[in-house]
Amino acid sequence: MKTNLLRNMLAATVALFTALFALPATAQAQTYYDLWIAGTQVTSDNCNDLSVIDGVSGR
């Protein structure tokens, strides 16, 4: 009986750590920068390609 409880506890612990490290589901908040281009604020979504902002061209 005691070994069965120990085995179940070990299985639950392994499952917990597997879920924590193998299935990361973290949502990152959008970062807003204190920079405005053509009336549009630069954020973490558009900082790598500013050509998505109206009035901005190039790469």
Protein backbone atom coordinates (compact mmCIF):
# COMPACT_ATOMS: atom_id res chain seq x y z
CA MET A 1 0.00 0.00 0.00
CA LYS A 2 2.80 2.39 0.90
CA THR A 3 4.76 1.66 -2.29
CA ASN A 4 1.61 2.15 -4.38
CA LEU A 5 1.13 5.61 -2.84
CA LEU A 6 4.78 6.44 -3.44
CA ARG A 7 4.54 5.31 -7.06
CA ASN A 8 1.40 7.40 -7.62
CA MET A 9 3.03 10.44 -6.03
CA LEU A 10 6.11 10.02 -8.21
CA ALA A 11 3.97 9.67 -11.34
CA ALA A 12 2.04 12.82 -10.44
CA THR A 13 5.26 14.74 -9.83
CA VAL A 14 6.76 13.64 -13.15
CA ALA A 15 3.54 14.59 -14.95
CA LEU A 16 3.55 18.00 -13.29
CA PHE A 17 7.15 18.77 -14.26
CA THR A 18 6.54 17.52 -17.79
CA ALA A 19 3.57 19.85 -18.10
CA LEU A 20 5.51 22.79 -16.70
CA PHE A 21 8.57 22.46 -18.92
CA ALA A 22 7.37 20.73 -22.08
CA LEU A 23 4.15 22.66 -22.58
CA PRO A 24 4.95 26.31 -21.95
CA ALA A 25 1.94 28.44 -22.71
CA THR A 26 3.14 31.85 -21.66
CA ALA A 27 1.49 34.89 -23.16
CA GLN A 28 3.74 37.87 -23.51
CA ALA A 29 2.30 41.32 -23.17
CA GLN A 30 2.79 43.76 -25.99
CA THR A 31 5.55 46.30 -25.33
CA TYR A 32 4.77 49.92 -26.17
CA TYR A 33 7.74 52.15 -26.97
CA ASP A 34 7.79 55.90 -26.48
CA LEU A 35 8.21 56.39 -30.23
CA TRP A 36 5.60 57.49 -32.73
CA ILE A 37 6.07 57.32 -36.51
CA ALA A 38 3.50 58.96 -38.81
CA GLY A 39 0.99 59.02 -35.96
CA THR A 40 1.41 55.31 -35.11
CA GLN A 41 3.04 54.14 -31.89
CA VAL A 42 5.87 51.64 -32.28
CA THR A 43 5.11 48.41 -30.43
CA SER A 44 6.68 44.98 -30.12
CA ASP A 45 4.35 43.84 -32.92
CA ASN A 46 5.51 46.35 -35.50
CA CYS A 47 9.08 47.17 -34.41
CA ASN A 48 10.73 44.65 -36.74
CA ASP A 49 8.93 45.85 -39.88
CA LEU A 50 7.97 49.51 -39.70
CA SER A 51 6.79 49.47 -43.32
CA VAL A 52 3.42 48.21 -42.04
CA ILE A 53 2.82 51.76 -40.82
CA ASP A 54 1.00 53.95 -43.35
CA GLY A 55 3.37 56.54 -44.79
CA VAL A 56 6.52 54.50 -44.16
CA SER A 57 8.33 52.76 -46.97
CA GLY A 58 11.49 50.73 -47.27
CA ARG A 59 12.72 47.86 -45.32
